[in-house]
Protein backbone atom coordinates (compact mmCIF):
# COMPACT_ATOMS: atom_id res chain seq x y z
CA GLY A 1 243.21 17.97 194.71
CA PRO A 2 243.07 14.29 196.34
CA ASP A 3 244.83 15.20 199.54
CA ARG A 4 242.36 17.74 200.25
CA ASP A 5 239.15 16.39 202.42
CA PRO A 6 236.61 19.03 201.10
CA LEU A 7 234.53 18.64 204.36
CA GLU A 8 237.13 18.92 206.48
CA ALA A 9 238.15 22.30 205.11
CA LEU A 10 234.19 23.35 204.95
CA GLN A 11 234.26 22.30 208.55
CA GLU A 12 237.64 24.41 209.81
CA ASN A 13 236.03 27.48 207.99
CA ARG A 14 239.14 27.13 205.47
CA ALA A 15 236.46 26.91 202.87
CA ASP A 16 232.66 28.42 202.39
CA VAL A 17 231.76 25.66 199.54
CA GLY A 18 232.85 22.26 199.03
CA THR A 19 232.17 19.71 195.74
CA PHE A 20 230.44 16.61 196.93
CA PHE A 21 228.66 13.29 195.27
CA LEU A 22 225.10 13.63 196.23
CA THR A 23 225.77 10.42 198.14
CA ALA A 24 228.27 11.28 200.20
CA ALA A 25 226.20 14.92 201.15
CA LEU A 26 223.30 12.48 202.42
CA LEU A 27 225.64 10.41 204.14
CA TYR A 28 227.11 13.09 206.13
CA ARG A 29 223.90 15.00 206.68
CA ASP A 30 222.99 11.62 208.02
CA ARG A 31 226.09 12.15 210.31
CA GLU A 32 224.65 15.66 211.24
CA ILE A 33 226.77 17.57 209.11
CA PRO A 34 223.94 19.71 207.52
CA LEU A 35 225.42 20.53 204.25
CA VAL A 36 223.16 22.71 202.36
CA HIS A 37 222.69 21.94 198.47
CA LEU A 38 223.56 24.88 196.05
CA GLY A 39 223.48 23.88 192.77
CA GLN A 40 223.59 20.21 191.09
CA ILE A 41 226.70 20.24 188.30
CA VAL A 42 226.63 16.83 187.32
CA ARG A 43 223.01 15.47 186.45
CA ARG A 44 223.51 12.10 186.02
CA SER A 45 225.23 9.01 186.86
CA HIS A 46 228.36 7.53 185.79
CA GLN A 47 228.83 4.75 188.07
CA THR A 48 229.45 1.33 186.13
CA ILE A 49 230.61 -2.13 187.16
CA LEU A 50 233.40 -3.63 185.04
CA ALA A 51 233.96 -7.19 184.71
CA ARG A 52 236.48 -8.70 182.68
CA ARG A 53 235.04 -11.14 179.87
CA ASP A 54 238.02 -13.80 180.27
CA ARG A 55 236.45 -15.01 183.54
CA ASP A 56 233.20 -15.88 181.68
CA ILE A 57 231.41 -13.05 182.97
CA THR A 58 228.64 -11.57 180.46
CA SER A 59 225.81 -11.03 183.05
CA LEU A 60 225.71 -9.45 186.34
CA GLU A 61 224.39 -12.51 187.82
CA ASP A 62 227.50 -14.14 186.87
CA LEU A 63 229.36 -11.47 189.65
CA ASP A 64 227.23 -13.90 192.42
CA GLY A 65 229.93 -15.75 194.27
CA ARG A 66 233.03 -13.36 192.44
CA THR A 67 235.39 -11.39 193.93
CA MET A 68 234.96 -7.19 193.20
CA SER A 69 236.23 -4.44 194.38
CA LEU A 70 233.73 -1.31 195.61
CA TRP A 71 234.70 2.19 197.00
CA GLY A 72 233.57 3.23 200.19
CA ASP A 73 230.36 4.46 201.64
CA ALA A 74 230.10 7.79 200.09
CA PHE A 75 230.20 6.22 196.48
CA LYS A 76 228.79 2.23 197.22
CA GLY A 77 225.05 2.94 197.98
CA ALA A 78 224.23 2.72 194.01
CA PHE A 79 225.97 -1.06 193.66
CA LEU A 80 224.67 -2.16 196.70
CA ALA A 81 221.15 -1.82 195.93
CA LEU A 82 222.36 -2.76 192.37
CA LEU A 83 223.40 -5.71 193.55
CA GLU A 84 220.88 -6.70 196.24
CA ASP A 85 217.60 -6.07 193.95
CA ARG A 86 219.13 -8.93 191.32
CA ASP A 87 220.12 -11.29 194.39
CA VAL A 88 223.42 -11.36 193.70
CA ARG A 89 226.22 -11.66 195.99
CA PRO A 90 230.07 -11.31 194.86
CA ARG A 91 232.79 -11.10 197.83
CA LEU A 92 233.57 -7.75 198.08
CA VAL A 93 236.91 -6.11 199.12
CA PRO A 94 238.01 -2.84 199.30
CA GLN A 95 238.75 -0.11 196.19
CA HIS A 96 241.03 2.62 196.71
CA TYR A 97 241.54 5.41 194.26
CA SER A 98 242.96 2.83 191.36
CA VAL A 99 242.01 0.01 189.98
CA ASN A 100 244.86 -1.65 189.83
CA LEU A 101 243.32 -4.78 191.27
CA PHE A 102 241.01 -5.57 188.80
CA ARG A 103 244.29 -4.48 185.71
CA ARG A 104 246.32 -6.87 187.48
CA GLY A 105 243.72 -9.49 187.66
CA HIS A 106 243.29 -9.92 191.33
CA VAL A 107 239.52 -8.98 191.39
CA ASP A 108 236.75 -10.00 188.92
CA ALA A 109 234.65 -6.91 188.76
CA CYS A 110 235.28 -3.29 190.51
CA SER A 111 233.53 -0.13 190.25
CA ALA A 112 234.20 2.20 188.25
CA MET A 113 233.31 5.51 186.58
CA SER A 114 232.76 5.76 182.62
CA TYR A 115 234.28 9.62 182.15
CA ASN A 116 237.73 7.76 184.45
CA GLU A 117 238.44 4.28 185.12
CA VAL A 118 237.43 3.04 181.93
CA HIS A 119 239.64 5.26 179.69
CA LEU A 120 242.74 4.32 181.64
CA LEU A 121 241.74 0.63 181.53
CA HIS A 122 242.08 1.06 177.49
CA LEU A 123 245.01 3.47 178.16
CA SER A 124 246.65 0.26 179.94
CA GLY A 125 246.56 -1.40 177.12
CA MET A 126 243.19 -3.59 178.24
CA LYS A 127 240.86 -3.99 174.93
CA GLU A 128 237.33 -3.19 174.54
CA GLU A 129 236.22 -6.43 173.96
CA GLU A 130 238.27 -7.50 177.11
CA LEU A 131 235.49 -5.76 179.28
CA VAL A 132 231.94 -5.90 180.21
CA LEU A 133 230.36 -2.81 181.77
CA PHE A 134 227.50 -2.55 183.31
CA ASP A 135 225.67 0.93 183.31
CA LEU A 136 224.25 1.81 186.50
CA ALA A 137 222.00 4.64 185.39
CA ARG A 138 220.93 2.33 182.77
CA GLU A 139 220.08 0.36 185.35
CA GLY A 140 217.80 2.74 186.96
CA TYR A 141 219.85 3.87 189.81
CA ASP A 142 220.88 7.35 188.10
CA PHE A 143 222.01 9.15 191.02
CA PRO A 144 223.56 12.35 190.28
CA GLU A 145 227.05 13.10 191.14
CA ASP A 146 228.52 16.68 191.88
CA GLY A 147 226.76 19.32 193.26
CA LEU A 148 227.73 22.74 195.35
CA TYR A 149 227.53 22.59 199.27
CA ALA A 150 228.06 24.96 201.63
CA LEU A 151 226.59 24.97 205.67
CA PRO A 152 224.01 26.63 207.06
CA ASP A 153 225.53 30.08 208.46
CA PHE A 154 227.30 31.02 205.10
CA VAL A 155 223.93 30.05 202.89
CA GLU A 156 222.25 32.71 205.29
CA ALA A 157 224.80 35.32 205.50
CA ASN A 158 225.68 35.30 201.39
CA PRO A 159 222.19 34.28 199.85
CA ARG A 160 223.65 36.35 196.63
CA ALA A 161 227.31 34.89 196.83
CA CYS A 162 225.90 31.30 197.19
CA ARG A 163 223.47 32.27 193.44
CA ASP A 164 226.15 33.81 191.92
CA LEU A 165 229.21 31.00 192.30
CA VAL A 166 226.74 28.46 191.02
CA GLU A 167 225.86 30.61 187.84
CA ALA A 168 229.59 31.74 187.55
CA THR A 169 230.45 27.66 187.74
CA LEU A 170 228.22 26.75 185.38
CA GLU A 171 229.19 29.83 182.86
CA GLY A 172 232.61 28.40 182.92
CA TRP A 173 231.38 24.85 182.11
CA ARG A 174 229.53 25.98 179.15
CA TYR A 175 233.43 28.65 177.91
CA ALA A 176 234.55 25.03 178.22
CA ALA A 177 232.47 23.26 176.35
CA ALA A 178 232.73 26.29 173.57
CA HIS A 179 236.58 26.46 173.85
CA PRO A 180 237.21 23.02 174.56
CA GLU A 181 241.15 22.93 173.44
CA GLU A 182 241.79 26.25 175.81
CA ALA A 183 240.21 24.22 179.01
CA LEU A 184 242.54 21.50 178.59
CA ASP A 185 245.34 23.64 178.29
CA ILE A 186 244.95 25.01 181.60
CA VAL A 187 244.18 21.95 183.24
CA MET A 188 247.61 20.39 181.90
CA THR A 189 249.00 23.41 183.22
CA TYR A 190 247.87 22.52 186.75
CA ALA A 191 248.18 18.69 186.51
CA ARG A 192 252.11 19.71 185.60
CA LEU A 193 252.38 21.86 188.39
CA SER A 194 250.77 19.61 191.39
CA HIS A 195 252.93 16.20 189.22
CA THR A 196 249.38 14.81 188.31
CA PRO A 197 249.40 11.33 186.83
CA THR A 198 247.63 11.95 183.50
CA ASN A 199 247.78 13.25 180.10
CA ARG A 200 246.07 15.09 177.75
CA PRO A 201 243.95 12.56 175.53
CA HIS A 202 242.36 10.94 179.02
CA GLN A 203 241.51 14.94 179.96
CA ARG A 204 239.80 14.69 176.90
CA TRP A 205 238.08 12.25 177.45
CA MET A 206 236.69 12.87 180.57
CA LEU A 207 235.70 16.29 179.11
CA GLU A 208 233.83 14.99 176.18
CA THR A 209 231.71 12.46 178.70
CA LEU A 210 231.30 14.94 181.33
CA LEU A 211 229.44 17.50 179.38
CA PRO A 212 226.51 16.01 178.37
CA SER A 213 225.37 15.70 181.78
CA ILE A 214 226.59 19.24 182.94
CA LEU A 215 224.99 20.60 180.02
CA GLU A 216 221.87 19.15 180.42
CA GLU A 217 219.01 21.70 181.05
CA PRO A 218 218.19 22.58 183.58
CA MET A 219 221.70 23.45 184.36
CA GLY A 220 222.18 23.56 187.94
CA HIS A 221 218.99 21.25 188.61
CA LEU A 222 218.57 18.84 191.43
CA ASP A 223 215.73 16.47 189.98
CA GLU A 224 213.77 15.57 192.86
CA ALA A 225 212.31 12.46 191.93
CA LEU A 226 216.42 11.50 191.65
CA TYR A 227 217.12 13.00 194.40
CA GLU A 228 213.85 10.73 196.23
CA LYS A 229 214.81 7.78 194.66
CA ALA A 230 218.90 8.63 195.88
CA ALA A 231 217.75 8.84 199.33
CA SER A 232 215.22 6.11 199.49
CA THR A 233 218.21 3.68 198.44
CA LEU A 234 220.48 4.97 201.06
CA LYS A 235 218.15 4.28 203.45
CA ARG A 236 217.27 0.85 201.97
CA VAL A 237 220.84 -0.70 201.80
CA GLY A 238 221.10 1.13 205.37
CA LEU A 239 224.09 3.50 204.64
CA ILE A 240 222.16 6.57 206.29
CA GLY A 241 218.79 5.90 208.63
CA GLU A 242 217.15 9.31 207.58
CA ALA A 243 217.13 11.82 205.04
CA PRO A 244 216.05 15.47 204.80
CA SER A 245 213.09 16.70 202.64
CA TYR A 246 213.96 18.31 198.83
CA GLY A 247 213.57 21.47 200.22
CA VAL A 248 215.59 21.37 203.14
CA PHE A 249 218.15 19.74 201.30
CA ARG A 250 217.73 22.70 199.27
CA GLY A 251 217.83 24.84 201.48
CA LEU A 252 214.50 25.99 200.74
CA ARG A 253 212.65 24.92 203.90
CA ARG A 254 214.34 24.68 207.82
């Protein structure tokens, strides 16, 4: 859940494997936390910039000088690179777990995921025609998202368990794709038990939006070119100093 920090759990030996965005894992590697990539679950980016059409924003350039809320270091690399490359300088303010600042009109634009916040805004009453969406993948910043990671000692001691866990996770997603109603039943059961504010239509949207980038073949594979693009971009915008080679990051080489 959102109250549990996977990095903290790994470091304190309360977990063997954690889920992280690729950009977050690169950030932690730069901070000398040697996460090893086991498998790539979400192979494509779903990051977007949402803007309010009633603020006369129809292009990225219209964000220049406007106010935009943005997520923290682990998620903002692609946004910063896109804005820098297009020479757009919005006034950036911190964005946390919700897009309420945007929904209430306190900022002109916000960072969002196509599988989550976009739909949440629709559910809150904002019509599709009220929103302008800039898809970072289409703009050339297609950074893979959720992957499975562990620390080197665990990987070296348990290579078979690591491989089996990745394959079991991928098989779980194949099953969810083939049995979506059963998958939604399970998710909603846990959501009710944890008092998570969500509903079945939103979880269905998330499942349907995420599945294409999870089921893309070869499932579980981190594309080397996309890895290099993400690493070089984070370096260019100053979020990291160095990045390991693709082979070292995946535990293929020391």
